[in-house]
Amino acid sequence: MSKSNSSASKWLVTIIYFVMIATNAAAVLLPLNGMTTQEVSDSYPNLFAPSGLTFAIWSVIYLLLAGFVLYQWLKPSAGSILSNPAVGNKVRNVFIVSSILNSIWLVAWQYLQIDVSVVIMLVLLVTLIYVNRILANEPLSKRDYVFIRLPFSVYFGWITIATIANITAFLVDKNIAFLQDNQVFWTVAILIIGLLIITTTILRNRDIAYGLATLWAYYGILNKHQATDGWDGAYPPIILTVVICLVLLAIVCIYELVLYFKRKKSVI
């Protein structure tokens, strides 16, 4: 990539980031379509949705992504993946695409275009799967991990859960009698399927940060079911399933952490 093209890509990353932040701020402060994002979520009541406090993770995600935006402007050190123009270009392009999808999804969600929002969310998920596979297979410096892999890992973890929640809201919107009459069964099934997907991803990508983001999301589901202003313990089978999932996810994360230190020790 030429120097001028590289500079243009960096500027595009920066501009698109601020567009994404502005869109999210508008959804909260205006709010778009007269409803906050949480109020839209509440309009599709289902037993998988996490509590409102869980959505605070977006602040962490945007802060981490801001770190990437700043980091990509620095002159890459020897050994950094950004010193490889091909890889750096791929990561920047994914960031641009994912940020645009994030903004478009939010508009679709705020204006109750649930069908469109599901499609956009699935494309965003695939985009994050792609970049995380690239990062999992690349040798990363410590700074690369903090400013590149960590942001995309946490983002990927949250979007994994958000995609499941979006699809669940879509099914609620369609008011399918069989699903509505068996919500507890399907919620338990979705939680278990989610656990299998998350566990496989943690081990395949060797990604603890991804696992921690999903742990937080599952905790949010548990909190919603236990809170008096939530489901107030009305569904014990779901609470039990979430607790088991949390324990198993914690074990998988600890296991991967042990493997990480073993790999690090073997290199030394």
C-alpha atoms as a PDB file:
ATOM      1  CA  MET A   1       0.000   0.000   0.000  1.00  0.00           C
ATOM      2  CA  SER A   2       1.328   3.429  -0.891  1.00  0.00           C
ATOM      3  CA  LYS A   3       1.936   6.024   1.797  1.00  0.00           C
ATOM      4  CA  SER A   4      -0.978   8.176   0.568  1.00  0.00           C
ATOM      5  CA  ASN A   5      -3.386   5.206   0.560  1.00  0.00           C
ATOM      6  CA  SER A   6      -2.240   4.223   4.049  1.00  0.00           C
ATOM      7  CA  SER A   7      -2.884   7.739   5.335  1.00  0.00           C
ATOM      8  CA  ALA A   8      -6.331   7.795   3.691  1.00  0.00           C
ATOM      9  CA  SER A   9      -7.166   4.472   5.352  1.00  0.00           C
ATOM     10  CA  LYS A  10      -6.115   5.808   8.759  1.00  0.00           C
ATOM     11  CA  TRP A  11      -8.268   8.907   8.294  1.00  0.00           C
ATOM     12  CA  LEU A  12     -11.221   6.788   7.203  1.00  0.00           C
ATOM     13  CA  VAL A  13     -10.855   4.606  10.308  1.00  0.00           C
ATOM     14  CA  THR A  14     -10.855   7.738  12.474  1.00  0.00           C
ATOM     15  CA  ILE A  15     -13.806   9.416  10.772  1.00  0.00           C
ATOM     16  CA  ILE A  16     -15.962   6.273  10.732  1.00  0.00           C
ATOM     17  CA  TYR A  17     -15.224   5.740  14.428  1.00  0.00           C
ATOM     18  CA  PHE A  18     -16.570   9.178  15.305  1.00  0.00           C
ATOM     19  CA  VAL A  19     -19.614   8.626  13.067  1.00  0.00           C
ATOM     20  CA  MET A  20     -20.335   5.424  15.001  1.00  0.00           C
ATOM     21  CA  ILE A  21     -19.944   7.204  18.343  1.00  0.00           C
ATOM     22  CA  ALA A  22     -22.198  10.054  17.169  1.00  0.00           C
ATOM     23  CA  THR A  23     -24.890   7.601  16.048  1.00  0.00           C
ATOM     24  CA  ASN A  24     -24.819   5.824  19.388  1.00  0.00           C
ATOM     25  CA  ALA A  25     -24.904   9.137  21.251  1.00  0.00           C
ATOM     26  CA  ALA A  26     -27.928  10.206  19.197  1.00  0.00           C
ATOM     27  CA  ALA A  27     -29.716   6.976  20.093  1.00  0.00           C
ATOM     28  CA  VAL A  28     -29.257   7.768  23.788  1.00  0.00           C
ATOM     29  CA  LEU A  29     -29.548  11.550  23.909  1.00  0.00           C
ATOM     30  CA  LEU A  30     -32.239  12.372  21.331  1.00  0.00           C
ATOM     31  CA  PRO A  31     -33.276   9.493  21.371  1.00  0.00           C
ATOM     32  CA  LEU A  32     -33.760   8.189  17.820  1.00  0.00           C
ATOM     33  CA  ASN A  33     -37.433   7.455  17.061  1.00  0.00           C
ATOM     34  CA  GLY A  34     -38.343   8.667  20.550  1.00  0.00           C
ATOM     35  CA  MET A  35     -37.089   5.514  22.315  1.00  0.00           C
ATOM     36  CA  THR A  36     -33.807   4.544  23.920  1.00  0.00           C
ATOM     37  CA  THR A  37     -32.072   1.368  22.777  1.00  0.00           C
ATOM     38  CA  GLN A  38     -33.066  -0.306  26.048  1.00  0.00           C
ATOM     39  CA  GLU A  39     -36.718   0.679  25.580  1.00  0.00           C
ATOM     40  CA  VAL A  40     -36.704  -0.867  22.128  1.00  0.00           C
ATOM     41  CA  SER A  41     -35.261  -4.051  23.627  1.00  0.00           C
ATOM     42  CA  ASP A  42     -37.956  -4.056  26.307  1.00  0.00           C
ATOM     43  CA  SER A  43     -40.622  -3.878  23.605  1.00  0.00           C
ATOM     44  CA  TYR A  44     -39.594  -7.412  22.575  1.00  0.00           C
ATOM     45  CA  PRO A  45     -39.819  -9.142  25.985  1.00  0.00           C
ATOM     46  CA  ASN A  46     -38.007 -12.469  26.104  1.00  0.00           C
ATOM     47  CA  LEU A  47     -36.263 -14.594  28.699  1.00  0.00           C
ATOM     48  CA  PHE A  48     -32.808 -14.381  27.088  1.00  0.00           C
ATOM     49  CA  ALA A  49     -32.357 -10.595  27.251  1.00  0.00           C
ATOM     50  CA  PRO A  50     -29.788  -9.433  29.866  1.00  0.00           C
ATOM     51  CA  SER A  51     -30.379  -6.656  32.390  1.00  0.00           C
ATOM     52  CA  GLY A  52     -29.812  -3.030  31.479  1.00  0.00           C
ATOM     53  CA  LEU A  53     -26.577  -2.713  33.460  1.00  0.00           C
ATOM     54  CA  THR A  54     -24.952  -5.297  31.191  1.00  0.00           C
ATOM     55  CA  PHE A  55     -25.071  -2.871  28.271  1.00  0.00           C
ATOM     56  CA  ALA A  56     -22.442  -0.764  30.041  1.00  0.00           C
ATOM     57  CA  ILE A  57     -19.958  -3.011  28.240  1.00  0.00           C
ATOM     58  CA  TRP A  58     -20.492  -0.814  25.170  1.00  0.00           C
ATOM     59  CA  SER A  59     -18.556   1.936  26.953  1.00  0.00           C
ATOM     60  CA  VAL A  60     -15.661  -0.481  27.412  1.00  0.00           C
ATOM     61  CA  ILE A  61     -15.854  -1.613  23.780  1.00  0.00           C
ATOM     62  CA  TYR A  62     -15.850   1.931  22.414  1.00  0.00           C
ATOM     63  CA  LEU A  63     -12.965   2.893  24.704  1.00  0.00           C
ATOM     64  CA  LEU A  64     -10.941  -0.106  23.522  1.00  0.00           C
ATOM     65  CA  LEU A  65     -11.755   0.677  19.889  1.00  0.00           C
ATOM     66  CA  ALA A  66     -10.639   4.271  20.483  1.00  0.00           C
ATOM     67  CA  GLY A  67      -7.316   2.799  21.592  1.00  0.00           C
ATOM     68  CA  PHE A  68      -7.071   0.982  18.264  1.00  0.00           C
ATOM     69  CA  VAL A  69      -7.887   4.174  16.333  1.00  0.00           C
ATOM     70  CA  LEU A  70      -5.051   6.019  18.080  1.00  0.00           C
ATOM     71  CA  TYR A  71      -2.652   3.073  17.876  1.00  0.00           C
ATOM     72  CA  GLN A  72      -3.014   2.690  14.107  1.00  0.00           C
ATOM     73  CA  TRP A  73      -1.687   6.244  13.708  1.00  0.00           C
ATOM     74  CA  LEU A  74       1.582   5.412  15.452  1.00  0.00           C
ATOM     75  CA  LYS A  75       4.608   4.277  13.525  1.00  0.00           C
ATOM     76  CA  PRO A  76       4.486   0.476  13.857  1.00  0.00           C
ATOM     77  CA  SER A  77       7.349  -1.033  15.783  1.00  0.00           C
ATOM     78  CA  ALA A  78       9.350  -3.941  14.427  1.00  0.00           C
ATOM     79  CA  GLY A  79       7.304  -7.101  14.848  1.00  0.00           C
ATOM     80  CA  SER A  80       3.950  -5.329  14.961  1.00  0.00           C
ATOM     81  CA  ILE A  81       1.335  -6.752  12.608  1.00  0.00           C
ATOM     82  CA  LEU A  82       0.678  -3.190  11.419  1.00  0.00           C
ATOM     83  CA  SER A  83       4.194  -3.193   9.966  1.00  0.00           C
ATOM     84  CA  ASN A  84       2.838  -5.730   7.491  1.00  0.00           C
ATOM     85  CA  PRO A  85       0.796  -3.596   5.050  1.00  0.00           C
ATOM     86  CA  ALA A  86      -1.389  -6.512   3.928  1.00  0.00           C
ATOM     87  CA  VAL A  87      -2.458  -7.480   7.445  1.00  0.00           C
ATOM     88  CA  GLY A  88      -2.756  -3.880   8.629  1.00  0.00           C
ATOM     89  CA  ASN A  89      -4.972  -3.079   5.669  1.00  0.00           C
ATOM     90  CA  LYS A  90      -7.241  -6.041   6.411  1.00  0.00           C
ATOM     91  CA  VAL A  91      -7.646  -5.008  10.052  1.00  0.00           C
ATOM     92  CA  ARG A  92      -8.414  -1.395   9.149  1.00  0.00           C
ATOM     93  CA  ASN A  93     -10.926  -2.458   6.490  1.00  0.00           C
ATOM     94  CA  VAL A  94     -12.691  -4.741   8.946  1.00  0.00           C
ATOM     95  CA  PHE A  95     -12.820  -1.921  11.482  1.00  0.00           C
ATOM     96  CA  ILE A  96     -14.384   0.403   8.901  1.00  0.00           C
ATOM     97  CA  VAL A  97     -16.959  -2.163   7.761  1.00  0.00           C
ATOM     98  CA  SER A  98     -17.853  -3.222  11.306  1.00  0.00           C
ATOM     99  CA  SER A  99     -18.267   0.396  12.430  1.00  0.00           C
ATOM    100  CA  ILE A 100     -20.559   1.182   9.494  1.00  0.00           C
ATOM    101  CA  LEU A 101     -22.603  -1.954  10.224  1.00  0.00           C
ATOM    102  CA  ASN A 102     -22.793  -0.965  13.898  1.00  0.00           C
ATOM    103  CA  SER A 103     -24.265   2.435  12.986  1.00  0.00           C
ATOM    104  CA  ILE A 104     -26.694   1.061  10.396  1.00  0.00           C
ATOM    105  CA  TRP A 105     -27.835  -1.667  12.791  1.00  0.00           C
ATOM    106  CA  LEU A 106     -28.574   0.904  15.477  1.00  0.00           C
ATOM    107  CA  VAL A 107     -30.747   2.962  13.117  1.00  0.00           C
ATOM    108  CA  ALA A 108     -32.633  -0.157  11.997  1.00  0.00           C
ATOM    109  CA  TRP A 109     -33.113  -1.223  15.624  1.00  0.00           C
ATOM    110  CA  GLN A 110     -34.284   2.188  16.800  1.00  0.00           C
ATOM    111  CA  TYR A 111     -36.847   2.368  13.996  1.00  0.00           C
ATOM    112  CA  LEU A 112     -38.126  -1.143  14.805  1.00  0.00           C
ATOM    113  CA  GLN A 113     -36.892  -2.715  11.574  1.00  0.00           C
ATOM    114  CA  ILE A 114     -36.235  -5.965  13.383  1.00  0.00           C
ATOM    115  CA  ASP A 115     -35.922  -8.109  10.236  1.00  0.00           C
ATOM    116  CA  VAL A 116     -33.284  -5.780   8.770  1.00  0.00           C
ATOM    117  CA  SER A 117     -31.468  -5.536  12.108  1.00  0.00           C
ATOM    118  CA  VAL A 118     -31.017  -9.321  12.256  1.00  0.00           C
ATOM    119  CA  VAL A 119     -29.420  -9.418   8.798  1.00  0.00           C
ATOM    120  CA  ILE A 120     -27.073  -6.537   9.653  1.00  0.00           C
ATOM    121  CA  MET A 121     -26.127  -8.121  12.970  1.00  0.00           C
ATOM    122  CA  LEU A 122     -25.308 -11.434  11.295  1.00  0.00           C
ATOM    123  CA  VAL A 123     -23.050  -9.673   8.772  1.00  0.00           C
ATOM    124  CA  LEU A 124     -21.354  -7.804  11.638  1.00  0.00           C
ATOM    125  CA  LEU A 125     -20.817 -11.104  13.455  1.00  0.00           C
ATOM    126  CA  VAL A 126     -19.249 -12.700  10.366  1.00  0.00           C
ATOM    127  CA  THR A 127     -16.984  -9.655   9.970  1.00  0.00           C
ATOM    128  CA  LEU A 128     -15.748  -9.995  13.553  1.00  0.00           C
ATOM    129  CA  ILE A 129     -15.274 -13.750  13.164  1.00  0.00           C
ATOM    130  CA  TYR A 130     -13.071 -13.013  10.151  1.00  0.00           C
ATOM    131  CA  VAL A 131     -10.821 -10.461  11.857  1.00  0.00           C
ATOM    132  CA  ASN A 132     -10.510 -12.506  15.036  1.00  0.00           C
ATOM    133  CA  ARG A 133      -9.390 -15.544  13.056  1.00  0.00           C
ATOM    134  CA  ILE A 134      -6.728 -13.366  11.398  1.00  0.00           C
ATOM    135  CA  LEU A 135      -5.527 -12.053  14.772  1.00  0.00           C
ATOM    136  CA  ALA A 136      -5.560 -15.531  16.335  1.00  0.00           C
ATOM    137  CA  ASN A 137      -3.123 -16.744  13.691  1.00  0.00           C
ATOM    138  CA  GLU A 138      -0.766 -13.765  13.705  1.00  0.00           C
ATOM    139  CA  PRO A 139       2.216 -13.281  16.064  1.00  0.00           C
ATOM    140  CA  LEU A 140       1.339 -10.247  18.159  1.00  0.00           C
ATOM    141  CA  SER A 141       3.487  -7.910  20.189  1.00  0.00           C
ATOM    142  CA  LYS A 142       2.230  -6.909  23.646  1.00  0.00           C
ATOM    143  CA  ARG A 143       1.018  -3.583  22.290  1.00  0.00           C
ATOM    144  CA  ASP A 144      -0.694  -5.337  19.372  1.00  0.00           C
ATOM    145  CA  TYR A 145      -2.581  -7.491  21.858  1.00  0.00           C
ATOM    146  CA  VAL A 146      -3.706  -4.545  23.995  1.00  0.00           C
ATOM    147  CA  PHE A 147      -4.638  -2.176  21.171  1.00  0.00           C
ATOM    148  CA  ILE A 148      -5.771  -4.571  18.435  1.00  0.00           C
ATOM    149  CA  ARG A 149      -6.685  -8.051  19.574  1.00  0.00           C
ATOM    150  CA  LEU A 150      -8.231  -7.083  22.915  1.00  0.00           C
ATOM    151  CA  PRO A 151     -10.702  -4.566  21.398  1.00  0.00           C
ATOM    152  CA  PHE A 152     -11.812  -6.962  18.666  1.00  0.00           C
ATOM    153  CA  SER A 153     -12.034  -9.894  21.110  1.00  0.00           C
ATOM    154  CA  VAL A 154     -14.306  -8.087  23.578  1.00  0.00           C
ATOM    155  CA  TYR A 155     -16.347  -6.682  20.695  1.00  0.00           C
ATOM    156  CA  PHE A 156     -16.700 -10.172  19.176  1.00  0.00           C
ATOM    157  CA  GLY A 157     -17.721 -11.681  22.518  1.00  0.00           C
ATOM    158  CA  TRP A 158     -20.476  -9.146  23.079  1.00  0.00           C
ATOM    159  CA  ILE A 159     -21.744  -9.325  19.476  1.00  0.00           C
ATOM    160  CA  THR A 160     -21.969 -13.117  19.767  1.00  0.00           C
ATOM    161  CA  ILE A 161     -24.517 -12.677  22.566  1.00  0.00           C
ATOM    162  CA  ALA A 162     -26.136  -9.654  20.920  1.00  0.00           C
ATOM    163  CA  THR A 163     -26.745 -11.697  17.758  1.00  0.00           C
ATOM    164  CA  ILE A 164     -28.520 -14.422  19.728  1.00  0.00           C
ATOM    165  CA  ALA A 165     -30.562 -11.771  21.557  1.00  0.00           C
ATOM    166  CA  ASN A 166     -31.410 -10.040  18.252  1.00  0.00           C
ATOM    167  CA  ILE A 167     -32.627 -13.301  16.717  1.00  0.00           C
ATOM    168  CA  THR A 168     -34.658 -13.997  19.859  1.00  0.00           C
ATOM    169  CA  ALA A 169     -36.281 -10.560  19.596  1.00  0.00           C
ATOM    170  CA  PHE A 170     -37.013 -11.292  15.927  1.00  0.00           C
ATOM    171  CA  LEU A 171     -38.826 -14.504  16.888  1.00  0.00           C
ATOM    172  CA  VAL A 172     -40.807 -12.645  19.552  1.00  0.00           C
ATOM    173  CA  ASP A 173     -41.789 -10.062  16.934  1.00  0.00           C
ATOM    174  CA  LYS A 174     -43.133 -12.841  14.688  1.00  0.00           C
ATOM    175  CA  ASN A 175     -45.297 -14.065  17.584  1.00  0.00           C
ATOM    176  CA  ILE A 176     -44.903 -17.742  16.708  1.00  0.00           C
ATOM    177  CA  ALA A 177     -47.292 -19.620  18.996  1.00  0.00           C
ATOM    178  CA  PHE A 178     -45.081 -22.690  19.479  1.00  0.00           C
ATOM    179  CA  LEU A 179     -42.147 -20.546  20.595  1.00  0.00           C
ATOM    180  CA  GLN A 180     -44.259 -18.245  22.767  1.00  0.00           C
ATOM    181  CA  ASP A 181     -45.821 -21.215  24.566  1.00  0.00           C
ATOM    182  CA  ASN A 182     -42.459 -22.862  25.257  1.00  0.00           C
ATOM    183  CA  GLN A 183     -40.237 -19.900  26.140  1.00  0.00           C
ATOM    184  CA  VAL A 184     -38.543 -21.572  29.102  1.00  0.00           C
ATOM    185  CA  PHE A 185     -37.561 -24.628  27.057  1.00  0.00           C
ATOM    186  CA  TRP A 186     -36.229 -22.568  24.159  1.00  0.00           C
ATOM    187  CA  THR A 187     -34.359 -20.168  26.416  1.00  0.00           C
ATOM    188  CA  VAL A 188     -32.613 -23.082  28.158  1.00  0.00           C
ATOM    189  CA  ALA A 189     -31.788 -24.579  24.753  1.00  0.00           C
ATOM    190  CA  ILE A 190     -30.407 -21.251  23.463  1.00  0.00           C
ATOM    191  CA  LEU A 191     -28.274 -20.806  26.596  1.00  0.00           C
ATOM    192  CA  ILE A 192     -26.746 -24.266  26.125  1.00  0.00           C
ATOM    193  CA  ILE A 193     -26.165 -23.758  22.395  1.00  0.00           C
ATOM    194  CA  GLY A 194     -24.573 -20.393  23.196  1.00  0.00           C
ATOM    195  CA  LEU A 195     -22.322 -22.093  25.747  1.00  0.00           C
ATOM    196  CA  LEU A 196     -21.123 -24.616  23.144  1.00  0.00           C
ATOM    197  CA  ILE A 197     -20.442 -21.891  20.561  1.00  0.00           C
ATOM    198  CA  ILE A 198     -18.594 -19.723  23.080  1.00  0.00           C
ATOM    199  CA  THR A 199     -16.513 -22.597  24.466  1.00  0.00           C
ATOM    200  CA  THR A 200     -15.486 -23.704  20.982  1.00  0.00           C
ATOM    201  CA  THR A 201     -14.510 -20.138  20.059  1.00  0.00           C
ATOM    202  CA  ILE A 202     -12.465 -19.580  23.230  1.00  0.00           C
ATOM    203  CA  LEU A 203     -10.476 -22.770  22.681  1.00  0.00           C
ATOM    204  CA  ARG A 204     -10.122 -22.391  18.922  1.00  0.00           C
ATOM    205  CA  ASN A 205      -8.997 -18.763  19.042  1.00  0.00           C
ATOM    206  CA  ARG A 206      -7.210 -19.119  22.407  1.00  0.00           C
ATOM    207  CA  ASP A 207      -9.130 -16.022  23.441  1.00  0.00           C
ATOM    208  CA  ILE A 208      -9.770 -15.364  27.125  1.00  0.00           C
ATOM    209  CA  ALA A 209     -10.977 -11.791  26.545  1.00  0.00           C
ATOM    210  CA  TYR A 210     -13.746 -13.109  24.296  1.00  0.00           C
ATOM    211  CA  GLY A 211     -14.748 -15.507  27.052  1.00  0.00           C
ATOM    212  CA  LEU A 212     -14.829 -12.771  29.700  1.00  0.00           C
ATOM    213  CA  ALA A 213     -17.137 -10.635  27.532  1.00  0.00           C
ATOM    214  CA  THR A 214     -19.579 -13.519  27.174  1.00  0.00           C
ATOM    215  CA  LEU A 215     -19.322 -14.256  30.887  1.00  0.00           C
ATOM    216  CA  TRP A 216     -20.455 -10.700  31.557  1.00  0.00           C
ATOM    217  CA  ALA A 217     -23.391 -11.155  29.163  1.00  0.00           C
ATOM    218  CA  TYR A 218     -24.500 -14.395  30.849  1.00  0.00           C
ATOM    219  CA  TYR A 219     -24.216 -12.675  34.215  1.00  0.00           C
ATOM    220  CA  GLY A 220     -26.542  -9.993  32.848  1.00  0.00           C
ATOM    221  CA  ILE A 221     -29.112 -12.669  31.974  1.00  0.00           C
ATOM    222  CA  LEU A 222     -28.834 -14.103  35.486  1.00  0.00           C
ATOM    223  CA  ASN A 223     -29.189 -10.635  37.004  1.00  0.00           C
ATOM    224  CA  LYS A 224     -32.337  -9.968  34.954  1.00  0.00           C
ATOM    225  CA  HIS A 225     -33.899 -13.211  36.185  1.00  0.00           C
ATOM    226  CA  GLN A 226     -33.046 -12.589  39.825  1.00  0.00           C
ATOM    227  CA  ALA A 227     -33.807  -8.867  40.038  1.00  0.00           C
ATOM    228  CA  THR A 228     -37.117  -7.738  41.523  1.00  0.00           C
ATOM    229  CA  ASP A 229     -37.533  -5.316  38.622  1.00  0.00           C
ATOM    230  CA  GLY A 230     -36.753  -8.167  36.207  1.00  0.00           C
ATOM    231  CA  TRP A 231     -38.210 -11.672  36.236  1.00  0.00           C
ATOM    232  CA  ASP A 232     -37.861 -11.878  40.034  1.00  0.00           C
ATOM    233  CA  GLY A 233     -36.920 -15.566  40.132  1.00  0.00           C
ATOM    234  CA  ALA A 234     -40.006 -16.677  38.206  1.00  0.00           C
ATOM    235  CA  TYR A 235     -38.092 -19.157  36.046  1.00  0.00           C
ATOM    236  CA  PRO A 236     -35.871 -21.440  38.199  1.00  0.00           C
ATOM    237  CA  PRO A 237     -34.855 -23.738  35.272  1.00  0.00           C
ATOM    238  CA  ILE A 238     -33.363 -20.756  33.422  1.00  0.00           C
ATOM    239  CA  ILE A 239     -31.580 -19.488  36.528  1.00  0.00           C
ATOM    240  CA  LEU A 240     -30.073 -22.926  37.142  1.00  0.00           C
ATOM    241  CA  THR A 241     -28.983 -23.218  33.503  1.00  0.00           C
ATOM    242  CA  VAL A 242     -27.356 -19.774  33.509  1.00  0.00           C
ATOM    243  CA  VAL A 243     -25.491 -20.533  36.750  1.00  0.00           C
ATOM    244  CA  ILE A 244     -24.171 -23.801  35.303  1.00  0.00           C
ATOM    245  CA  CYS A 245     -23.153 -22.002  32.099  1.00  0.00           C
ATOM    246  CA  LEU A 246     -21.348 -19.318  34.096  1.00  0.00           C
ATOM    247  CA  VAL A 247     -19.403 -21.922  36.068  1.00  0.00           C
ATOM    248  CA  LEU A 248     -18.454 -23.852  32.935  1.00  0.00           C
ATOM    249  CA  LEU A 249     -17.427 -20.688  31.078  1.00  0.00           C
ATOM    250  CA  ALA A 250     -15.296 -19.630  34.028  1.00  0.00           C
ATOM    251  CA  ILE A 251     -13.611 -23.060  34.025  1.00  0.00           C
ATOM    252  CA  VAL A 252     -12.917 -22.823  30.281  1.00  0.00           C
ATOM    253  CA  CYS A 253     -11.415 -19.344  30.690  1.00  0.00           C
ATOM    254  CA  ILE A 254      -9.216 -20.526  33.567  1.00  0.00           C
ATOM    255  CA  TYR A 255      -8.178 -23.576  31.534  1.00  0.00           C
ATOM    256  CA  GLU A 256      -7.210 -21.364  28.596  1.00  0.00           C
ATOM    257  CA  LEU A 257      -5.297 -19.063  30.965  1.00  0.00           C
ATOM    258  CA  VAL A 258      -3.311 -22.046  32.267  1.00  0.00           C
ATOM    259  CA  LEU A 259      -2.543 -23.106  28.694  1.00  0.00           C
ATOM    260  CA  TYR A 260      -1.412 -19.556  27.915  1.00  0.00           C
ATOM    261  CA  PHE A 261       1.128 -19.562  30.758  1.00  0.00           C
ATOM    262  CA  LYS A 262       2.319 -23.041  29.743  1.00  0.00           C
ATOM    263  CA  ARG A 263       2.874 -21.874  26.169  1.00  0.00           C
ATOM    264  CA  LYS A 264       4.669 -18.781  27.409  1.00  0.00           C
ATOM    265  CA  LYS A 265       6.894 -20.861  29.700  1.00  0.00           C
ATOM    266  CA  SER A 266       7.773 -23.300  26.910  1.00  0.00           C
ATOM    267  CA  VAL A 267       8.874 -20.413  24.685  1.00  0.00           C
ATOM    268  CA  ILE A 268      11.194 -19.137  27.443  1.00  0.00           C
END
